[in-house]
C-alpha atoms as a PDB file:
ATOM      1  CA  MET A   1       0.000   0.000   0.000  1.00  0.00           C
ATOM      2  CA  ILE A   2       3.043   2.255   0.018  1.00  0.00           C
ATOM      3  CA  PHE A   3       2.052   3.713  -3.366  1.00  0.00           C
ATOM      4  CA  LEU A   4      -0.928   5.471  -1.772  1.00  0.00           C
ATOM      5  CA  LYS A   5       1.264   7.838   0.219  1.00  0.00           C
ATOM      6  CA  LYS A   6       1.745  10.128  -2.767  1.00  0.00           C
ATOM      7  CA  PHE A   7      -1.939  10.951  -3.082  1.00  0.00           C
ATOM      8  CA  ILE A   8      -2.220  12.723   0.251  1.00  0.00           C
ATOM      9  CA  LYS A   9       0.561  15.089  -0.800  1.00  0.00           C
ATOM     10  CA  LYS A  10      -1.497  16.121  -3.854  1.00  0.00           C
ATOM     11  CA  LEU A  11      -4.759  16.530  -2.012  1.00  0.00           C
ATOM     12  CA  ILE A  12      -6.193  20.014  -2.479  1.00  0.00           C
ATOM     13  CA  PRO A  13      -6.916  21.592   0.920  1.00  0.00           C
ATOM     14  CA  PRO A  14     -10.564  21.847   2.000  1.00  0.00           C
ATOM     15  CA  ILE A  15     -12.358  24.546   0.015  1.00  0.00           C
ATOM     16  CA  PHE A  16     -14.225  26.874   2.318  1.00  0.00           C
ATOM     17  CA  TYR A  17     -17.556  28.053   1.049  1.00  0.00           C
ATOM     18  CA  ASP A  18     -21.237  27.330   1.451  1.00  0.00           C
ATOM     19  CA  VAL A  19     -21.915  26.229  -2.122  1.00  0.00           C
ATOM     20  CA  ARG A  20     -25.666  26.584  -1.939  1.00  0.00           C
ATOM     21  CA  ASN A  21     -25.700  30.139  -0.565  1.00  0.00           C
ATOM     22  CA  ILE A  22     -23.041  31.382  -2.951  1.00  0.00           C
ATOM     23  CA  LEU A  23     -24.785  30.003  -6.034  1.00  0.00           C
ATOM     24  CA  ILE A  24     -28.099  31.522  -4.982  1.00  0.00           C
ATOM     25  CA  ASN A  25     -26.760  34.870  -3.816  1.00  0.00           C
ATOM     26  CA  LYS A  26     -24.497  35.405  -6.803  1.00  0.00           C
ATOM     27  CA  SER A  27     -27.331  35.206  -9.354  1.00  0.00           C
ATOM     28  CA  ASN A  28     -26.375  31.610 -10.078  1.00  0.00           C
ATOM     29  CA  LYS A  29     -23.043  32.645 -11.531  1.00  0.00           C
ATOM     30  CA  SER A  30     -21.061  29.442 -11.768  1.00  0.00           C
ATOM     31  CA  MET A  31     -17.984  28.936  -9.637  1.00  0.00           C
ATOM     32  CA  TRP A  32     -16.787  26.252 -12.084  1.00  0.00           C
ATOM     33  CA  ASN A  33     -15.747  27.219 -15.600  1.00  0.00           C
ATOM     34  CA  GLY A  34     -13.580  26.118 -18.491  1.00  0.00           C
ATOM     35  CA  SER A  35     -12.478  22.843 -20.016  1.00  0.00           C
ATOM     36  CA  PHE A  36      -8.791  21.933 -19.881  1.00  0.00           C
ATOM     37  CA  LYS A  37      -6.695  19.243 -21.561  1.00  0.00           C
ATOM     38  CA  ASN A  38      -4.734  18.291 -18.455  1.00  0.00           C
ATOM     39  CA  TRP A  39      -3.998  19.195 -14.848  1.00  0.00           C
ATOM     40  CA  GLU A  40      -0.896  21.214 -15.688  1.00  0.00           C
ATOM     41  CA  GLU A  41      -2.780  23.432 -18.116  1.00  0.00           C
ATOM     42  CA  ALA A  42      -5.507  24.103 -15.571  1.00  0.00           C
ATOM     43  CA  THR A  43      -3.020  24.699 -12.761  1.00  0.00           C
ATOM     44  CA  ARG A  44      -1.234  27.394 -14.760  1.00  0.00           C
ATOM     45  CA  GLN A  45      -4.451  29.417 -14.773  1.00  0.00           C
ATOM     46  CA  CYS A  46      -5.151  29.008 -11.056  1.00  0.00           C
ATOM     47  CA  THR A  47      -4.090  31.440  -8.374  1.00  0.00           C
ATOM     48  CA  GLY A  48      -3.196  28.752  -5.890  1.00  0.00           C
ATOM     49  CA  TYR A  49      -3.928  28.792  -2.195  1.00  0.00           C
ATOM     50  CA  ASP A  50      -2.497  29.763   1.161  1.00  0.00           C
ATOM     51  CA  ASN A  51      -2.235  26.700   3.372  1.00  0.00           C
ATOM     52  CA  GLU A  52      -1.770  28.672   6.574  1.00  0.00           C
ATOM     53  CA  LEU A  53      -4.847  30.779   5.877  1.00  0.00           C
ATOM     54  CA  ILE A  54      -6.928  27.703   5.109  1.00  0.00           C
ATOM     55  CA  ILE A  55      -5.937  25.728   8.158  1.00  0.00           C
ATOM     56  CA  SER A  56      -6.270  28.754  10.449  1.00  0.00           C
ATOM     57  CA  LYS A  57      -9.851  29.258   9.267  1.00  0.00           C
ATOM     58  CA  CYS A  58     -10.663  25.605   9.722  1.00  0.00           C
ATOM     59  CA  PHE A  59      -9.002  25.473  13.140  1.00  0.00           C
ATOM     60  CA  LYS A  60     -10.898  28.526  14.384  1.00  0.00           C
ATOM     61  CA  GLN A  61     -14.274  27.141  13.346  1.00  0.00           C
ATOM     62  CA  MET A  62     -13.631  23.659  14.671  1.00  0.00           C
ATOM     63  CA  LEU A  63     -12.693  25.115  18.048  1.00  0.00           C
ATOM     64  CA  GLU A  64     -16.200  26.610  18.121  1.00  0.00           C
ATOM     65  CA  ILE A  65     -17.609  23.125  17.617  1.00  0.00           C
ATOM     66  CA  LYS A  66     -15.322  21.544  20.198  1.00  0.00           C
ATOM     67  CA  SER A  67     -16.190  24.197  22.797  1.00  0.00           C
ATOM     68  CA  GLY A  68     -19.909  23.747  22.208  1.00  0.00           C
ATOM     69  CA  ASN A  69     -20.459  27.336  21.063  1.00  0.00           C
ATOM     70  CA  LYS A  70     -21.646  26.072  17.699  1.00  0.00           C
ATOM     71  CA  ILE A  71     -23.193  22.766  16.733  1.00  0.00           C
ATOM     72  CA  TYR A  72     -22.180  22.236  13.112  1.00  0.00           C
ATOM     73  CA  GLU A  73     -19.520  23.260  10.618  1.00  0.00           C
ATOM     74  CA  ARG A  74     -19.226  22.635   6.897  1.00  0.00           C
ATOM     75  CA  ASP A  75     -16.520  24.111   4.658  1.00  0.00           C
ATOM     76  CA  SER A  76     -15.585  26.469   7.538  1.00  0.00           C
ATOM     77  CA  VAL A  77     -19.126  27.891   7.661  1.00  0.00           C
ATOM     78  CA  LEU A  78     -20.807  27.570  11.066  1.00  0.00           C
ATOM     79  CA  PHE A  79     -24.463  26.585  11.461  1.00  0.00           C
ATOM     80  CA  ASP A  80     -26.895  26.486  14.377  1.00  0.00           C
ATOM     81  CA  LYS A  81     -28.537  23.328  13.061  1.00  0.00           C
ATOM     82  CA  ILE A  82     -26.881  20.147  11.804  1.00  0.00           C
ATOM     83  CA  GLN A  83     -27.499  19.251   8.176  1.00  0.00           C
ATOM     84  CA  TYR A  84     -27.139  15.507   7.688  1.00  0.00           C
ATOM     85  CA  SER A  85     -26.119  13.500   4.677  1.00  0.00           C
ATOM     86  CA  PHE A  86     -28.657  10.708   4.972  1.00  0.00           C
ATOM     87  CA  GLY A  87     -26.855   8.648   2.361  1.00  0.00           C
ATOM     88  CA  LEU A  88     -23.733   8.755   4.510  1.00  0.00           C
ATOM     89  CA  LEU A  89     -25.737   7.844   7.614  1.00  0.00           C
ATOM     90  CA  ILE A  90     -27.283   4.850   5.855  1.00  0.00           C
ATOM     91  CA  GLY A  91     -23.818   3.562   5.023  1.00  0.00           C
ATOM     92  CA  LEU A  92     -22.561   4.097   8.574  1.00  0.00           C
ATOM     93  CA  TYR A  93     -25.557   2.319  10.088  1.00  0.00           C
ATOM     94  CA  GLN A  94     -25.205  -0.574   7.646  1.00  0.00           C
ATOM     95  CA  SER A  95     -21.598  -1.026   8.692  1.00  0.00           C
ATOM     96  CA  ALA A  96     -22.489  -0.886  12.382  1.00  0.00           C
ATOM     97  CA  ALA A  97     -25.162  -3.551  11.860  1.00  0.00           C
ATOM     98  CA  ASN A  98     -22.635  -5.818  10.154  1.00  0.00           C
ATOM     99  CA  ASN A  99     -19.886  -5.282  12.745  1.00  0.00           C
ATOM    100  CA  ASN A 100     -21.553  -5.722  16.139  1.00  0.00           C
ATOM    101  CA  GLY A 101     -22.255  -2.041  16.656  1.00  0.00           C
ATOM    102  CA  GLN A 102     -18.750  -0.885  15.748  1.00  0.00           C
ATOM    103  CA  ILE A 103     -17.971   1.808  13.165  1.00  0.00           C
ATOM    104  CA  SER A 104     -14.423   2.246  11.864  1.00  0.00           C
ATOM    105  CA  VAL A 105     -13.885   4.877   9.167  1.00  0.00           C
ATOM    106  CA  LEU A 106     -10.923   5.932   7.053  1.00  0.00           C
ATOM    107  CA  ASP A 107     -11.932   9.497   6.156  1.00  0.00           C
ATOM    108  CA  PHE A 108      -9.624  10.559   3.317  1.00  0.00           C
ATOM    109  CA  GLY A 109      -9.282  14.331   3.128  1.00  0.00           C
ATOM    110  CA  GLY A 110     -11.505  14.759   6.185  1.00  0.00           C
ATOM    111  CA  SER A 111     -10.002  18.089   7.335  1.00  0.00           C
ATOM    112  CA  LEU A 112     -10.084  18.412  11.144  1.00  0.00           C
ATOM    113  CA  GLY A 113     -13.079  16.134  11.583  1.00  0.00           C
ATOM    114  CA  SER A 114     -16.040  17.836   9.899  1.00  0.00           C
ATOM    115  CA  SER A 115     -17.906  14.610   9.083  1.00  0.00           C
ATOM    116  CA  TYR A 116     -17.046  13.075  12.442  1.00  0.00           C
ATOM    117  CA  PHE A 117     -18.452  16.016  14.428  1.00  0.00           C
ATOM    118  CA  GLN A 118     -21.427  16.270  12.075  1.00  0.00           C
ATOM    119  CA  ASN A 119     -22.492  12.714  12.919  1.00  0.00           C
ATOM    120  CA  LYS A 120     -20.975  12.131  16.354  1.00  0.00           C
ATOM    121  CA  THR A 121     -24.141  12.643  18.402  1.00  0.00           C
ATOM    122  CA  ILE A 122     -26.402  10.561  16.199  1.00  0.00           C
ATOM    123  CA  LEU A 123     -23.866   7.717  16.321  1.00  0.00           C
ATOM    124  CA  ASN A 124     -23.279   7.845  20.077  1.00  0.00           C
ATOM    125  CA  SER A 125     -24.735   4.376  20.685  1.00  0.00           C
ATOM    126  CA  PHE A 126     -21.955   2.798  18.622  1.00  0.00           C
ATOM    127  CA  LYS A 127     -18.280   2.211  19.274  1.00  0.00           C
ATOM    128  CA  ILE A 128     -16.446   4.537  16.869  1.00  0.00           C
ATOM    129  CA  LYS A 129     -12.950   4.662  15.428  1.00  0.00           C
ATOM    130  CA  TRP A 130     -12.643   7.548  12.984  1.00  0.00           C
ATOM    131  CA  GLY A 131      -9.301   7.982  11.241  1.00  0.00           C
ATOM    132  CA  ILE A 132      -8.645  11.069   9.123  1.00  0.00           C
ATOM    133  CA  VAL A 133      -5.945  10.951   6.454  1.00  0.00           C
ATOM    134  CA  GLU A 134      -4.816  14.460   5.599  1.00  0.00           C
ATOM    135  CA  GLN A 135      -1.928  16.729   4.714  1.00  0.00           C
ATOM    136  CA  GLU A 136       0.767  16.991   7.335  1.00  0.00           C
ATOM    137  CA  ASN A 137      -0.217  20.438   8.620  1.00  0.00           C
ATOM    138  CA  PHE A 138      -3.784  19.241   9.235  1.00  0.00           C
ATOM    139  CA  VAL A 139      -2.530  16.067  10.891  1.00  0.00           C
ATOM    140  CA  LYS A 140      -0.317  18.052  13.265  1.00  0.00           C
ATOM    141  CA  CYS A 141      -3.123  20.466  14.141  1.00  0.00           C
ATOM    142  CA  GLY A 142      -5.617  17.634  14.544  1.00  0.00           C
ATOM    143  CA  ARG A 143      -3.387  15.606  16.821  1.00  0.00           C
ATOM    144  CA  ASN A 144      -2.570  18.609  18.992  1.00  0.00           C
ATOM    145  CA  ASN A 145      -6.119  19.897  19.387  1.00  0.00           C
ATOM    146  CA  PHE A 146      -8.806  17.374  18.456  1.00  0.00           C
ATOM    147  CA  GLN A 147      -7.473  13.836  18.729  1.00  0.00           C
ATOM    148  CA  THR A 148      -9.275  11.472  21.122  1.00  0.00           C
ATOM    149  CA  ASN A 149      -9.706   7.748  21.531  1.00  0.00           C
ATOM    150  CA  GLU A 150     -12.363   7.962  18.803  1.00  0.00           C
ATOM    151  CA  LEU A 151     -10.887  10.575  16.433  1.00  0.00           C
ATOM    152  CA  MET A 152      -7.359  10.108  15.091  1.00  0.00           C
ATOM    153  CA  PHE A 153      -5.228  11.733  12.395  1.00  0.00           C
ATOM    154  CA  PHE A 154      -2.805  10.096   9.956  1.00  0.00           C
ATOM    155  CA  SER A 155      -0.456  11.259   7.216  1.00  0.00           C
ATOM    156  CA  CYS A 156      -1.035   8.256   4.965  1.00  0.00           C
ATOM    157  CA  ILE A 157      -3.609   5.584   4.274  1.00  0.00           C
ATOM    158  CA  GLU A 158      -1.302   2.773   5.337  1.00  0.00           C
ATOM    159  CA  ASP A 159      -0.904   4.121   8.863  1.00  0.00           C
ATOM    160  CA  CYS A 160      -4.654   4.537   9.270  1.00  0.00           C
ATOM    161  CA  VAL A 161      -5.380   1.016   7.999  1.00  0.00           C
ATOM    162  CA  ASN A 162      -2.820  -0.488  10.362  1.00  0.00           C
ATOM    163  CA  ALA A 163      -4.083   1.501  13.361  1.00  0.00           C
ATOM    164  CA  ILE A 164      -7.861   1.129  13.168  1.00  0.00           C
ATOM    165  CA  ASN A 165      -8.566  -1.623  10.585  1.00  0.00           C
ATOM    166  CA  PRO A 166     -11.305   0.437   8.896  1.00  0.00           C
ATOM    167  CA  LYS A 167     -14.444  -1.189   7.543  1.00  0.00           C
ATOM    168  CA  ILE A 168     -15.404   1.993   5.650  1.00  0.00           C
ATOM    169  CA  ILE A 169     -13.527   4.354   3.355  1.00  0.00           C
ATOM    170  CA  LEU A 170     -15.208   7.763   3.231  1.00  0.00           C
ATOM    171  CA  LEU A 171     -14.485  10.042   0.261  1.00  0.00           C
ATOM    172  CA  SER A 172     -16.524  13.214   0.738  1.00  0.00           C
ATOM    173  CA  SER A 173     -15.901  16.123  -1.665  1.00  0.00           C
ATOM    174  CA  VAL A 174     -12.375  14.940  -2.326  1.00  0.00           C
ATOM    175  CA  ILE A 175     -11.710  12.842  -5.447  1.00  0.00           C
ATOM    176  CA  GLN A 176     -12.612  15.696  -7.827  1.00  0.00           C
ATOM    177  CA  TYR A 177      -9.672  17.687  -6.396  1.00  0.00           C
ATOM    178  CA  LEU A 178      -7.032  15.028  -7.060  1.00  0.00           C
ATOM    179  CA  GLU A 179      -4.676  15.318 -10.006  1.00  0.00           C
ATOM    180  CA  SER A 180      -5.109  11.643 -10.917  1.00  0.00           C
ATOM    181  CA  PRO A 181      -8.491  10.582  -9.521  1.00  0.00           C
ATOM    182  CA  ILE A 182      -8.860   7.442 -11.642  1.00  0.00           C
ATOM    183  CA  GLU A 183      -5.456   6.156 -10.550  1.00  0.00           C
ATOM    184  CA  PHE A 184      -6.394   6.867  -6.945  1.00  0.00           C
ATOM    185  CA  ILE A 185      -9.737   5.061  -7.300  1.00  0.00           C
ATOM    186  CA  LYS A 186      -8.000   2.013  -8.791  1.00  0.00           C
ATOM    187  CA  LYS A 187      -5.713   1.816  -5.764  1.00  0.00           C
ATOM    188  CA  ILE A 188      -8.593   2.276  -3.320  1.00  0.00           C
ATOM    189  CA  ASN A 189     -10.460  -0.477  -5.150  1.00  0.00           C
ATOM    190  CA  GLU A 190      -7.509  -2.803  -4.613  1.00  0.00           C
ATOM    191  CA  LEU A 191      -7.533  -2.286  -0.826  1.00  0.00           C
ATOM    192  CA  LYS A 192     -10.779  -4.296  -0.631  1.00  0.00           C
ATOM    193  CA  ILE A 193     -12.106  -2.483   2.418  1.00  0.00           C
ATOM    194  CA  GLU A 194     -15.606  -3.705   3.331  1.00  0.00           C
ATOM    195  CA  LYS A 195     -17.493  -0.561   2.278  1.00  0.00           C
ATOM    196  CA  ILE A 196     -16.796   2.636   0.355  1.00  0.00           C
ATOM    197  CA  ILE A 197     -18.987   5.719   0.800  1.00  0.00           C
ATOM    198  CA  ILE A 198     -18.681   8.519  -1.742  1.00  0.00           C
ATOM    199  CA  ASP A 199     -20.372  11.852  -0.965  1.00  0.00           C
ATOM    200  CA  ARG A 200     -20.554  15.387  -2.445  1.00  0.00           C
ATOM    201  CA  THR A 201     -18.781  14.430  -5.669  1.00  0.00           C
ATOM    202  CA  SER A 202     -19.229  16.381  -8.919  1.00  0.00           C
ATOM    203  CA  PHE A 203     -20.637  14.737 -12.061  1.00  0.00           C
ATOM    204  CA  VAL A 204     -21.569  15.984 -15.514  1.00  0.00           C
ATOM    205  CA  LYS A 205     -24.029  14.447 -17.962  1.00  0.00           C
ATOM    206  CA  LEU A 206     -21.503  13.737 -20.693  1.00  0.00           C
ATOM    207  CA  HIS A 207     -19.748  10.624 -21.966  1.00  0.00           C
ATOM    208  CA  THR A 208     -16.439  11.793 -20.547  1.00  0.00           C
ATOM    209  CA  SER A 209     -15.093  13.784 -17.618  1.00  0.00           C
ATOM    210  CA  ILE A 210     -14.316  17.505 -17.763  1.00  0.00           C
ATOM    211  CA  LEU A 211     -11.490  19.293 -15.986  1.00  0.00           C
ATOM    212  CA  THR A 212     -12.509  22.802 -14.939  1.00  0.00           C
ATOM    213  CA  ILE A 213     -11.298  25.611 -12.711  1.00  0.00           C
ATOM    214  CA  GLN A 214     -13.182  26.354  -9.528  1.00  0.00           C
ATOM    215  CA  LYS A 215     -13.017  29.955  -8.327  1.00  0.00           C
ATOM    216  CA  VAL A 216     -13.616  30.387  -4.633  1.00  0.00           C
ATOM    217  CA  ASP A 217     -15.872  33.300  -3.750  1.00  0.00           C
ATOM    218  CA  THR A 218     -13.762  36.311  -2.765  1.00  0.00           C
ATOM    219  CA  SER A 219     -15.771  36.754   0.428  1.00  0.00           C
ATOM    220  CA  ILE A 220     -13.983  33.601   1.607  1.00  0.00           C
ATOM    221  CA  TYR A 221     -10.568  34.247   0.039  1.00  0.00           C
ATOM    222  CA  ASN A 222      -9.107  34.781  -3.413  1.00  0.00           C
ATOM    223  CA  ALA A 223      -8.136  31.410  -4.852  1.00  0.00           C
ATOM    224  CA  SER A 224      -8.868  28.967  -7.641  1.00  0.00           C
ATOM    225  CA  TYR A 225      -8.211  25.252  -8.171  1.00  0.00           C
ATOM    226  CA  PRO A 226      -8.512  22.575 -10.831  1.00  0.00           C
ATOM    227  CA  CYS A 227     -11.672  20.513 -10.331  1.00  0.00           C
ATOM    228  CA  TRP A 228     -12.996  17.444 -12.148  1.00  0.00           C
ATOM    229  CA  PHE A 229     -16.583  16.774 -13.178  1.00  0.00           C
ATOM    230  CA  PHE A 230     -16.888  13.042 -13.789  1.00  0.00           C
ATOM    231  CA  ASN A 231     -18.920  10.760 -15.967  1.00  0.00           C
ATOM    232  CA  TYR A 232     -20.957   8.773 -13.446  1.00  0.00           C
ATOM    233  CA  GLU A 233     -20.802   5.360 -15.130  1.00  0.00           C
ATOM    234  CA  ASN A 234     -17.049   5.615 -15.691  1.00  0.00           C
ATOM    235  CA  ILE A 235     -16.428   6.199 -11.998  1.00  0.00           C
ATOM    236  CA  ILE A 236     -18.710   3.380 -10.870  1.00  0.00           C
ATOM    237  CA  ASN A 237     -17.017   0.952 -13.261  1.00  0.00           C
ATOM    238  CA  GLU A 238     -13.604   1.631 -11.722  1.00  0.00           C
ATOM    239  CA  PHE A 239     -14.783  -0.049  -8.501  1.00  0.00           C
ATOM    240  CA  SER A 240     -14.671  -3.520 -10.023  1.00  0.00           C
ATOM    241  CA  ASN A 241     -14.335  -5.213  -6.624  1.00  0.00           C
ATOM    242  CA  TYR A 242     -17.559  -3.622  -5.375  1.00  0.00           C
ATOM    243  CA  ASN A 243     -21.313  -3.680  -5.915  1.00  0.00           C
ATOM    244  CA  LEU A 244     -23.278  -0.440  -6.026  1.00  0.00           C
ATOM    245  CA  ILE A 245     -25.837  -0.527  -3.192  1.00  0.00           C
ATOM    246  CA  LEU A 246     -27.265   2.989  -3.238  1.00  0.00           C
ATOM    247  CA  ASP A 247     -26.773   6.330  -4.918  1.00  0.00           C
ATOM    248  CA  PHE A 248     -28.112   9.645  -3.668  1.00  0.00           C
ATOM    249  CA  GLU A 249     -28.029  13.379  -4.320  1.00  0.00           C
ATOM    250  CA  SER A 250     -25.804  15.693  -2.298  1.00  0.00           C
ATOM    251  CA  TYR A 251     -27.587  17.163   0.694  1.00  0.00           C
ATOM    252  CA  CYS A 252     -26.084  20.629   0.206  1.00  0.00           C
ATOM    253  CA  ASP A 253     -24.796  21.101  -3.348  1.00  0.00           C
ATOM    254  CA  PRO A 254     -27.472  22.094  -5.909  1.00  0.00           C
ATOM    255  CA  SER A 255     -27.424  21.075  -9.560  1.00  0.00           C
ATOM    256  CA  GLN A 256     -26.350  23.665 -12.108  1.00  0.00           C
ATOM    257  CA  LEU A 257     -25.212  24.169 -15.684  1.00  0.00           C
ATOM    258  CA  LEU A 258     -21.474  23.707 -16.103  1.00  0.00           C
ATOM    259  CA  ASN A 259     -20.019  26.289 -18.500  1.00  0.00           C
ATOM    260  CA  GLY A 260     -23.616  27.361 -19.020  1.00  0.00           C
ATOM    261  CA  ILE A 261     -24.242  24.244 -21.152  1.00  0.00           C
ATOM    262  CA  TYR A 262     -23.830  20.887 -19.437  1.00  0.00           C
ATOM    263  CA  GLU A 263     -26.045  19.543 -16.667  1.00  0.00           C
ATOM    264  CA  ALA A 264     -23.953  18.957 -13.563  1.00  0.00           C
ATOM    265  CA  ASP A 265     -24.749  17.783 -10.068  1.00  0.00           C
ATOM    266  CA  TRP A 266     -23.195  16.406  -6.901  1.00  0.00           C
ATOM    267  CA  LYS A 267     -23.865  12.804  -5.933  1.00  0.00           C
ATOM    268  CA  GLY A 268     -22.931  10.157  -3.453  1.00  0.00           C
ATOM    269  CA  PHE A 269     -23.084   6.388  -3.438  1.00  0.00           C
ATOM    270  CA  ILE A 270     -22.482   3.354  -1.274  1.00  0.00           C
ATOM    271  CA  LEU A 271     -20.387   0.429  -2.505  1.00  0.00           C
ATOM    272  CA  ASN A 272     -20.073  -2.947  -0.807  1.00  0.00           C
ATOM    273  CA  LEU A 273     -17.208  -5.346  -1.358  1.00  0.00           C
ATOM    274  CA  LYS A 274     -18.211  -8.300  -3.530  1.00  0.00           C
END
């Protein structure tokens, strides 16, 4: 599994915005535009990002959750009411039912624990091991400020697998920000973990995938990143060791027209090992 270490180094940091509010309040002006031949071409037209700014924002908001001042955080936006991904919850409950009330999750690109804190209370009757695989600066911050017997942080997939023996791999709003998502999916497929849950992943109704640039709203910060919109069937077919159990719409990302032409939406799905 040593080959998987490289992917965490290429993981785009969490992108901080409330997608739904921005799309509505900006007269539905798309945050995703363009079609690029390859990652390098798209990257040359992106402004990049400031890691310290990103992690400081995330850290500040997660401290509000930890202290109990706020109840829910998503993409560094704080809410007074938790919004649940019911597709994700179905997958978590299925795993608990199959593993004597135990839930063990490898959350790839899980920031400082957004999905864990989102679902922690509703899962409190189960024994939880939640391992987040992230960039080194997030891992250091997570270990110093948020790590518990339930929530742990790792720099690579191998370390997380060895530590908690996960029954679930969670990929929430992450694979579209990888330089080589298909290669990554092939490697994840080969791990043969019991269940894979995909959430908040961008798809376009075309026969092929499109590589675009995502521009973050300037009210958050000035940055842009390459972002993939996938062909749904192509992604599903890469998980040859798995059966598709359920697919579902994103609970917070509305459909839109990509480049003003192509129908695009955000989906999730649950895959069980054959």
